[in-house]
PDB file of N, CA and C in Angstrom:
ATOM      1  N   MET A   1      21.303 -28.095  34.257  1.00  0.00           N
ATOM      2  CA  MET A   1      22.222 -27.646  33.234  1.00  0.00           C
ATOM      3  C   MET A   1      21.804 -26.276  32.691  1.00  0.00           C
ATOM      4  N   GLY A   2      20.474 -26.063  32.567  1.00  0.00           N
ATOM      5  CA  GLY A   2      19.968 -24.794  32.064  1.00  0.00           C
ATOM      6  C   GLY A   2      20.287 -23.643  33.003  1.00  0.00           C
ATOM      7  N   LEU A   3      20.286 -23.931  34.307  1.00  0.00           N
ATOM      8  CA  LEU A   3      20.598 -22.904  35.297  1.00  0.00           C
ATOM      9  C   LEU A   3      22.054 -22.459  35.171  1.00  0.00           C
ATOM     10  N   LEU A   4      22.953 -23.402  34.959  1.00  0.00           N
ATOM     11  CA  LEU A   4      24.365 -23.065  34.812  1.00  0.00           C
ATOM     12  C   LEU A   4      24.604 -22.245  33.545  1.00  0.00           C
ATOM     13  N   LYS A   5      23.912 -22.575  32.470  1.00  0.00           N
ATOM     14  CA  LYS A   5      24.046 -21.807  31.228  1.00  0.00           C
ATOM     15  C   LYS A   5      23.557 -20.375  31.433  1.00  0.00           C
ATOM     16  N   THR A   6      22.456 -20.231  32.163  1.00  0.00           N
ATOM     17  CA  THR A   6      21.896 -18.898  32.420  1.00  0.00           C
ATOM     18  C   THR A   6      22.862 -18.068  33.262  1.00  0.00           C
ATOM     19  N   ILE A   7      23.402 -18.682  34.314  1.00  0.00           N
ATOM     20  CA  ILE A   7      24.348 -17.965  35.169  1.00  0.00           C
ATOM     21  C   ILE A   7      25.596 -17.594  34.381  1.00  0.00           C
ATOM     22  N   ALA A   8      26.098 -18.499  33.555  1.00  0.00           N
ATOM     23  CA  ALA A   8      27.286 -18.220  32.742  1.00  0.00           C
ATOM     24  C   ALA A   8      27.004 -17.093  31.757  1.00  0.00           C
ATOM     25  N   PHE A   9      25.828 -17.110  31.150  1.00  0.00           N
ATOM     26  CA  PHE A   9      25.449 -16.056  30.207  1.00  0.00           C
ATOM     27  C   PHE A   9      25.370 -14.714  30.917  1.00  0.00           C
ATOM     28  N   LEU A  10      24.760 -14.670  32.100  1.00  0.00           N
ATOM     29  CA  LEU A  10      24.654 -13.418  32.850  1.00  0.00           C
ATOM     30  C   LEU A  10      26.033 -12.894  33.247  1.00  0.00           C
ATOM     31  N   LEU A  11      26.923 -13.779  33.685  1.00  0.00           N
ATOM     32  CA  LEU A  11      28.274 -13.344  34.041  1.00  0.00           C
ATOM     33  C   LEU A  11      29.025 -12.831  32.816  1.00  0.00           C
ATOM     34  N   LEU A  12      28.885 -13.520  31.697  1.00  0.00           N
ATOM     35  CA  LEU A  12      29.535 -13.083  30.465  1.00  0.00           C
ATOM     36  C   LEU A  12      29.010 -11.719  30.034  1.00  0.00           C
ATOM     37  N   PHE A  13      27.706 -11.549  30.099  1.00  0.00           N
ATOM     38  CA  PHE A  13      27.085 -10.273  29.741  1.00  0.00           C
ATOM     39  C   PHE A  13      27.558  -9.166  30.681  1.00  0.00           C
ATOM     40  N   TYR A  14      27.641  -9.441  31.970  1.00  0.00           N
ATOM     41  CA  TYR A  14      28.065  -8.459  32.959  1.00  0.00           C
ATOM     42  C   TYR A  14      29.498  -7.991  32.688  1.00  0.00           C
ATOM     43  N   TYR A  15      30.413  -8.948  32.485  1.00  0.00           N
ATOM     44  CA  TYR A  15      31.803  -8.567  32.256  1.00  0.00           C
ATOM     45  C   TYR A  15      31.993  -7.887  30.901  1.00  0.00           C
ATOM     46  N   ALA A  16      31.242  -8.293  29.893  1.00  0.00           N
ATOM     47  CA  ALA A  16      31.325  -7.628  28.586  1.00  0.00           C
ATOM     48  C   ALA A  16      30.832  -6.187  28.712  1.00  0.00           C
ATOM     49  N   PHE A  17      29.742  -5.983  29.470  1.00  0.00           N
ATOM     50  CA  PHE A  17      29.218  -4.640  29.676  1.00  0.00           C
ATOM     51  C   PHE A  17      30.220  -3.770  30.422  1.00  0.00           C
ATOM     52  N   LYS A  18      30.859  -4.313  31.460  1.00  0.00           N
ATOM     53  CA  LYS A  18      31.874  -3.552  32.197  1.00  0.00           C
ATOM     54  C   LYS A  18      33.029  -3.156  31.292  1.00  0.00           C
ATOM     55  N   PHE A  19      33.481  -4.095  30.463  1.00  0.00           N
ATOM     56  CA  PHE A  19      34.595  -3.828  29.561  1.00  0.00           C
ATOM     57  C   PHE A  19      34.228  -2.741  28.558  1.00  0.00           C
ATOM     58  N   LEU A  20      33.059  -2.844  27.954  1.00  0.00           N
ATOM     59  CA  LEU A  20      32.638  -1.855  26.969  1.00  0.00           C
ATOM     60  C   LEU A  20      32.386  -0.493  27.616  1.00  0.00           C
ATOM     61  N   ALA A  21      31.884  -0.490  28.834  1.00  0.00           N
ATOM     62  CA  ALA A  21      31.650   0.775  29.530  1.00  0.00           C
ATOM     63  C   ALA A  21      32.968   1.486  29.798  1.00  0.00           C
ATOM     64  N   ARG A  22      33.999   0.732  30.193  1.00  0.00           N
ATOM     65  CA  ARG A  22      35.311   1.352  30.420  1.00  0.00           C
ATOM     66  C   ARG A  22      35.919   1.844  29.118  1.00  0.00           C
ATOM     67  N   LEU A  23      35.580   1.179  28.030  1.00  0.00           N
ATOM     68  CA  LEU A  23      36.132   1.550  26.739  1.00  0.00           C
ATOM     69  C   LEU A  23      35.475   2.814  26.190  1.00  0.00           C
ATOM     70  N   PHE A  24      34.137   2.921  26.317  1.00  0.00           N
ATOM     71  CA  PHE A  24      33.399   4.019  25.700  1.00  0.00           C
ATOM     72  C   PHE A  24      33.040   5.154  26.652  1.00  0.00           C
ATOM     73  N   ALA A  25      33.185   4.977  27.946  1.00  0.00           N
ATOM     74  CA  ALA A  25      32.813   6.027  28.898  1.00  0.00           C
ATOM     75  C   ALA A  25      33.602   7.314  28.695  1.00  0.00           C
ATOM     76  N   PRO A  26      34.914   7.265  28.486  1.00  0.00           N
ATOM     77  CA  PRO A  26      35.638   8.531  28.279  1.00  0.00           C
ATOM     78  C   PRO A  26      35.155   9.286  27.043  1.00  0.00           C
ATOM     79  N   PHE A  27      34.868   8.569  25.975  1.00  0.00           N
ATOM     80  CA  PHE A  27      34.371   9.196  24.756  1.00  0.00           C
ATOM     81  C   PHE A  27      33.024   9.879  25.006  1.00  0.00           C
ATOM     82  N   LEU A  28      32.121   9.181  25.698  1.00  0.00           N
ATOM     83  CA  LEU A  28      30.795   9.744  25.981  1.00  0.00           C
ATOM     84  C   LEU A  28      30.886  10.937  26.922  1.00  0.00           C
ATOM     85  N   MET A  29      31.748  10.858  27.922  1.00  0.00           N
ATOM     86  CA  MET A  29      31.901  11.971  28.861  1.00  0.00           C
ATOM     87  C   MET A  29      32.475  13.196  28.154  1.00  0.00           C
ATOM     88  N   LYS A  30      33.431  12.979  27.249  1.00  0.00           N
ATOM     89  CA  LYS A  30      34.017  14.092  26.509  1.00  0.00           C
ATOM     90  C   LYS A  30      32.952  14.772  25.654  1.00  0.00           C
ATOM     91  N   LYS A  31      32.088  13.989  25.054  1.00  0.00           N
ATOM     92  CA  LYS A  31      31.023  14.537  24.217  1.00  0.00           C
ATOM     93  C   LYS A  31      30.043  15.369  25.065  1.00  0.00           C
ATOM     94  N   VAL A  32      29.681  14.865  26.239  1.00  0.00           N
ATOM     95  CA  VAL A  32      28.759  15.579  27.132  1.00  0.00           C
ATOM     96  C   VAL A  32      29.381  16.891  27.594  1.00  0.00           C
ATOM     97  N   VAL A  33      30.662  16.867  27.952  1.00  0.00           N
ATOM     98  CA  VAL A  33      31.340  18.076  28.415  1.00  0.00           C
ATOM     99  C   VAL A  33      31.410  19.108  27.294  1.00  0.00           C
ATOM    100  N   ASN A  34      31.683  18.665  26.066  1.00  0.00           N
ATOM    101  CA  ASN A  34      31.739  19.592  24.935  1.00  0.00           C
ATOM    102  C   ASN A  34      30.391  20.259  24.686  1.00  0.00           C
ATOM    103  N   LYS A  35      29.311  19.495  24.806  1.00  0.00           N
ATOM    104  CA  LYS A  35      27.978  20.077  24.614  1.00  0.00           C
ATOM    105  C   LYS A  35      27.674  21.104  25.700  1.00  0.00           C
ATOM    106  N   MET A  36      28.057  20.807  26.932  1.00  0.00           N
ATOM    107  CA  MET A  36      27.823  21.755  28.015  1.00  0.00           C
ATOM    108  C   MET A  36      28.630  23.031  27.801  1.00  0.00           C
ATOM    109  N   GLN A  37      29.861  22.897  27.294  1.00  0.00           N
ATOM    110  CA  GLN A  37      30.679  24.073  27.023  1.00  0.00           C
ATOM    111  C   GLN A  37      30.071  24.917  25.905  1.00  0.00           C
ATOM    112  N   GLU A  38      29.528  24.270  24.879  1.00  0.00           N
ATOM    113  CA  GLU A  38      28.894  25.003  23.787  1.00  0.00           C
ATOM    114  C   GLU A  38      27.681  25.783  24.290  1.00  0.00           C
ATOM    115  N   LYS A  39      26.872  25.155  25.132  1.00  0.00           N
ATOM    116  CA  LYS A  39      25.697  25.837  25.674  1.00  0.00           C
ATOM    117  C   LYS A  39      26.104  27.025  26.534  1.00  0.00           C
ATOM    118  N   ALA A  40      27.135  26.848  27.364  1.00  0.00           N
ATOM    119  CA  ALA A  40      27.602  27.950  28.210  1.00  0.00           C
ATOM    120  C   ALA A  40      28.141  29.085  27.350  1.00  0.00           C
ATOM    121  N   SER A  41      28.836  28.740  26.285  1.00  0.00           N
ATOM    122  CA  SER A  41      29.379  29.760  25.387  1.00  0.00           C
ATOM    123  C   SER A  41      28.252  30.541  24.708  1.00  0.00           C
ATOM    124  N   GLN A  42      27.220  29.834  24.268  1.00  0.00           N
ATOM    125  CA  GLN A  42      26.079  30.506  23.636  1.00  0.00           C
ATOM    126  C   GLN A  42      25.365  31.417  24.617  1.00  0.00           C
ATOM    127  N   GLN A  43      25.195  30.973  25.850  1.00  0.00           N
ATOM    128  CA  GLN A  43      24.542  31.807  26.852  1.00  0.00           C
ATOM    129  C   GLN A  43      25.390  33.043  27.143  1.00  0.00           C
ATOM    130  N   ASN A  44      26.695  32.878  27.175  1.00  0.00           N
ATOM    131  CA  ASN A  44      27.591  34.000  27.412  1.00  0.00           C
ATOM    132  C   ASN A  44      27.501  35.005  26.261  1.00  0.00           C
ATOM    133  N   GLN A  45      27.461  34.522  25.025  1.00  0.00           N
ATOM    134  CA  GLN A  45      27.350  35.406  23.874  1.00  0.00           C
ATOM    135  C   GLN A  45      26.012  36.147  23.897  1.00  0.00           C
ATOM    136  N   ASN A  46      24.933  35.457  24.254  1.00  0.00           N
ATOM    137  CA  ASN A  46      23.626  36.108  24.346  1.00  0.00           C
ATOM    138  C   ASN A  46      23.634  37.189  25.414  1.00  0.00           C
ATOM    139  N   GLN A  47      24.280  36.911  26.528  1.00  0.00           N
ATOM    140  CA  GLN A  47      24.345  37.890  27.614  1.00  0.00           C
ATOM    141  C   GLN A  47      25.151  39.108  27.185  1.00  0.00           C
ATOM    142  N   GLN A  48      26.256  38.894  26.479  1.00  0.00           N
ATOM    143  CA  GLN A  48      27.071  40.010  26.011  1.00  0.00           C
ATOM    144  C   GLN A  48      26.319  40.838  24.986  1.00  0.00           C
ATOM    145  N   ARG A  49      25.560  40.165  24.125  1.00  0.00           N
ATOM    146  CA  ARG A  49      24.803  40.889  23.104  1.00  0.00           C
ATOM    147  C   ARG A  49      23.738  41.765  23.753  1.00  0.00           C
ATOM    148  N   LYS A  50      23.102  41.259  24.801  1.00  0.00           N
ATOM    149  CA  LYS A  50      22.068  42.035  25.474  1.00  0.00           C
ATOM    150  C   LYS A  50      22.668  43.186  26.271  1.00  0.00           C
ATOM    151  N   SER A  51      23.883  43.008  26.767  1.00  0.00           N
ATOM    152  CA  SER A  51      24.487  44.051  27.595  1.00  0.00           C
ATOM    153  C   SER A  51      25.042  45.205  26.760  1.00  0.00           C
ATOM    154  N   THR A  52      25.141  45.054  25.439  1.00  0.00           N
ATOM    155  CA  THR A  52      25.670  46.127  24.596  1.00  0.00           C
ATOM    156  C   THR A  52      24.605  47.152  24.233  1.00  0.00           C
ATOM    157  N   VAL A  53      23.374  46.946  24.660  1.00  0.00           N
ATOM    158  CA  VAL A  53      22.294  47.883  24.359  1.00  0.00           C
ATOM    159  C   VAL A  53      22.462  49.122  25.228  1.00  0.00           C
ATOM    160  N   LYS A  54      22.360  50.290  24.617  1.00  0.00           N
ATOM    161  CA  LYS A  54      22.494  51.540  25.348  1.00  0.00           C
ATOM    162  C   LYS A  54      21.256  51.790  26.198  1.00  0.00           C
ATOM    163  N   GLU A  55      21.427  52.553  27.243  1.00  0.00           N
ATOM    164  CA  GLU A  55      20.325  52.843  28.139  1.00  0.00           C
ATOM    165  C   GLU A  55      19.283  53.692  27.412  1.00  0.00           C
ATOM    166  N   GLY A  56      18.012  53.313  27.550  1.00  0.00           N
ATOM    167  CA  GLY A  56      16.922  54.037  26.912  1.00  0.00           C
ATOM    168  C   GLY A  56      16.596  53.522  25.524  1.00  0.00           C
ATOM    169  N   GLU A  57      17.389  52.605  25.000  1.00  0.00           N
ATOM    170  CA  GLU A  57      17.157  52.063  23.664  1.00  0.00           C
ATOM    171  C   GLU A  57      16.206  50.868  23.764  1.00  0.00           C
ATOM    172  N   THR A  58      15.296  50.776  22.826  1.00  0.00           N
ATOM    173  CA  THR A  58      14.337  49.686  22.824  1.00  0.00           C
ATOM    174  C   THR A  58      14.812  48.576  21.898  1.00  0.00           C
ATOM    175  N   VAL A  59      14.812  47.335  22.416  1.00  0.00           N
ATOM    176  CA  VAL A  59      15.246  46.183  21.634  1.00  0.00           C
ATOM    177  C   VAL A  59      14.149  45.129  21.696  1.00  0.00           C
ATOM    178  N   ILE A  60      13.791  44.613  20.538  1.00  0.00           N
ATOM    179  CA  ILE A  60      12.794  43.543  20.481  1.00  0.00           C
ATOM    180  C   ILE A  60      13.517  42.268  20.080  1.00  0.00           C
ATOM    181  N   ASP A  61      13.494  41.286  20.972  1.00  0.00           N
ATOM    182  CA  ASP A  61      14.138  40.005  20.713  1.00  0.00           C
ATOM    183  C   ASP A  61      13.094  39.067  20.125  1.00  0.00           C
ATOM    184  N   THR A  62      13.177  38.817  18.833  1.00  0.00           N
ATOM    185  CA  THR A  62      12.156  38.000  18.164  1.00  0.00           C
ATOM    186  C   THR A  62      12.344  36.518  18.409  1.00  0.00           C
ATOM    187  N   SER A  63      13.480  36.098  18.934  1.00  0.00           N
ATOM    188  CA  SER A  63      13.687  34.673  19.169  1.00  0.00           C
ATOM    189  C   SER A  63      12.852  34.166  20.344  1.00  0.00           C
ATOM    190  N   THR A  64      12.473  35.062  21.268  1.00  0.00           N
ATOM    191  CA  THR A  64      11.691  34.628  22.412  1.00  0.00           C
ATOM    192  C   THR A  64      10.191  34.745  22.173  1.00  0.00           C
ATOM    193  N   VAL A  65       9.795  35.393  21.094  1.00  0.00           N
ATOM    194  CA  VAL A  65       8.378  35.557  20.806  1.00  0.00           C
ATOM    195  C   VAL A  65       7.854  34.266  20.201  1.00  0.00           C
ATOM    196  N   LYS A  66       6.816  33.706  20.833  1.00  0.00           N
ATOM    197  CA  LYS A  66       6.234  32.463  20.329  1.00  0.00           C
ATOM    198  C   LYS A  66       5.089  32.787  19.386  1.00  0.00           C
ATOM    199  N   LYS A  67       5.056  32.061  18.299  1.00  0.00           N
ATOM    200  CA  LYS A  67       3.986  32.269  17.343  1.00  0.00           C
ATOM    201  C   LYS A  67       2.730  31.535  17.817  1.00  0.00           C
ATOM    202  N   GLN A  68       1.594  32.142  17.565  1.00  0.00           N
ATOM    203  CA  GLN A  68       0.334  31.532  17.956  1.00  0.00           C
ATOM    204  C   GLN A  68       0.046  30.387  16.995  1.00  0.00           C
ATOM    205  N   GLN A  69      -0.253  29.242  17.567  1.00  0.00           N
ATOM    206  CA  GLN A  69      -0.490  28.067  16.748  1.00  0.00           C
ATOM    207  C   GLN A  69      -1.991  27.826  16.621  1.00  0.00           C
ATOM    208  N   GLY A  70      -2.451  27.786  15.387  1.00  0.00           N
ATOM    209  CA  GLY A  70      -3.836  27.443  15.130  1.00  0.00           C
ATOM    210  C   GLY A  70      -4.809  28.504  15.594  1.00  0.00           C
ATOM    211  N   ASN A  71      -6.069  28.169  15.495  1.00  0.00           N
ATOM    212  CA  ASN A  71      -7.136  29.049  15.916  1.00  0.00           C
ATOM    213  C   ASN A  71      -7.667  28.528  17.241  1.00  0.00           C
ATOM    214  N   ASN A  72      -7.402  29.236  18.321  1.00  0.00           N
ATOM    215  CA  ASN A  72      -7.762  28.765  19.649  1.00  0.00           C
ATOM    216  C   ASN A  72      -9.125  29.269  20.113  1.00  0.00           C
ATOM    217  N   LYS A  73      -9.996  29.632  19.193  1.00  0.00           N
ATOM    218  CA  LYS A  73     -11.317  30.092  19.593  1.00  0.00           C
ATOM    219  C   LYS A  73     -12.164  28.890  19.979  1.00  0.00           C
ATOM    220  N   VAL A  74     -12.561  28.863  21.229  1.00  0.00           N
ATOM    221  CA  VAL A  74     -13.382  27.765  21.715  1.00  0.00           C
ATOM    222  C   VAL A  74     -14.845  28.103  21.537  1.00  0.00           C
ATOM    223  N   GLY A  75     -15.179  29.339  21.706  1.00  0.00           N
ATOM    224  CA  GLY A  75     -16.562  29.779  21.579  1.00  0.00           C
ATOM    225  C   GLY A  75     -16.682  31.209  22.034  1.00  0.00           C
ATOM    226  N   GLU A  76     -17.889  31.707  22.000  1.00  0.00           N
ATOM    227  CA  GLU A  76     -18.108  33.085  22.430  1.00  0.00           C
ATOM    228  C   GLU A  76     -18.372  33.124  23.917  1.00  0.00           C
ATOM    229  N   TYR A  77     -17.980  34.226  24.551  1.00  0.00           N
ATOM    230  CA  TYR A  77     -18.253  34.426  25.952  1.00  0.00           C
ATOM    231  C   TYR A  77     -19.570  35.171  26.060  1.00  0.00           C
ATOM    232  N   VAL A  78     -20.474  34.587  26.842  1.00  0.00           N
ATOM    233  CA  VAL A  78     -21.785  35.202  27.012  1.00  0.00           C
ATOM    234  C   VAL A  78     -21.924  35.637  28.464  1.00  0.00           C
ATOM    235  N   ASP A  79     -22.182  36.929  28.663  1.00  0.00           N
ATOM    236  CA  ASP A  79     -22.393  37.475  29.995  1.00  0.00           C
ATOM    237  C   ASP A  79     -23.886  37.386  30.285  1.00  0.00           C
ATOM    238  N   PHE A  80     -24.234  36.836  31.422  1.00  0.00           N
ATOM    239  CA  PHE A  80     -25.651  36.687  31.738  1.00  0.00           C
ATOM    240  C   PHE A  80     -25.914  37.117  33.167  1.00  0.00           C
ATOM    241  N   GLU A  81     -27.183  37.390  33.436  1.00  0.00           N
ATOM    242  CA  GLU A  81     -27.619  37.753  34.770  1.00  0.00           C
ATOM    243  C   GLU A  81     -28.653  36.747  35.236  1.00  0.00           C
ATOM    244  N   GLU A  82     -28.615  36.472  36.545  1.00  0.00           N
ATOM    245  CA  GLU A  82     -29.596  35.520  37.078  1.00  0.00           C
ATOM    246  C   GLU A  82     -30.905  36.246  37.331  1.00  0.00           C
ATOM    247  N   ILE A  83     -32.000  35.617  36.983  1.00  0.00           N
ATOM    248  CA  ILE A  83     -33.332  36.158  37.203  1.00  0.00           C
ATOM    249  C   ILE A  83     -34.018  35.300  38.252  1.00  0.00           C
ATOM    250  N   GLU A  84     -34.573  35.950  39.299  1.00  0.00           N
ATOM    251  CA  GLU A  84     -35.224  35.180  40.357  1.00  0.00           C
ATOM    252  C   GLU A  84     -36.679  34.946  40.067  1.00  0.00           C
TER     253      GLU A  84
END
């Protein structure tokens, strides 16, 4: 009897999952497509902004500069020579 209950539960879960997937898949796909469009639009705007720079002009893009985190000093470097 326990085996039949388990099989019935698995079938019920499977069909409920299929039904919910068909119900929510279009919504999720639309959301993913919108995010991809936003990213493409931002990349396009960044490319246009960079292309408006005149030749010979210097531009510093501070968004790509990473700040140094913490103090990364491990120790001093000691130069030595081998003595025979």
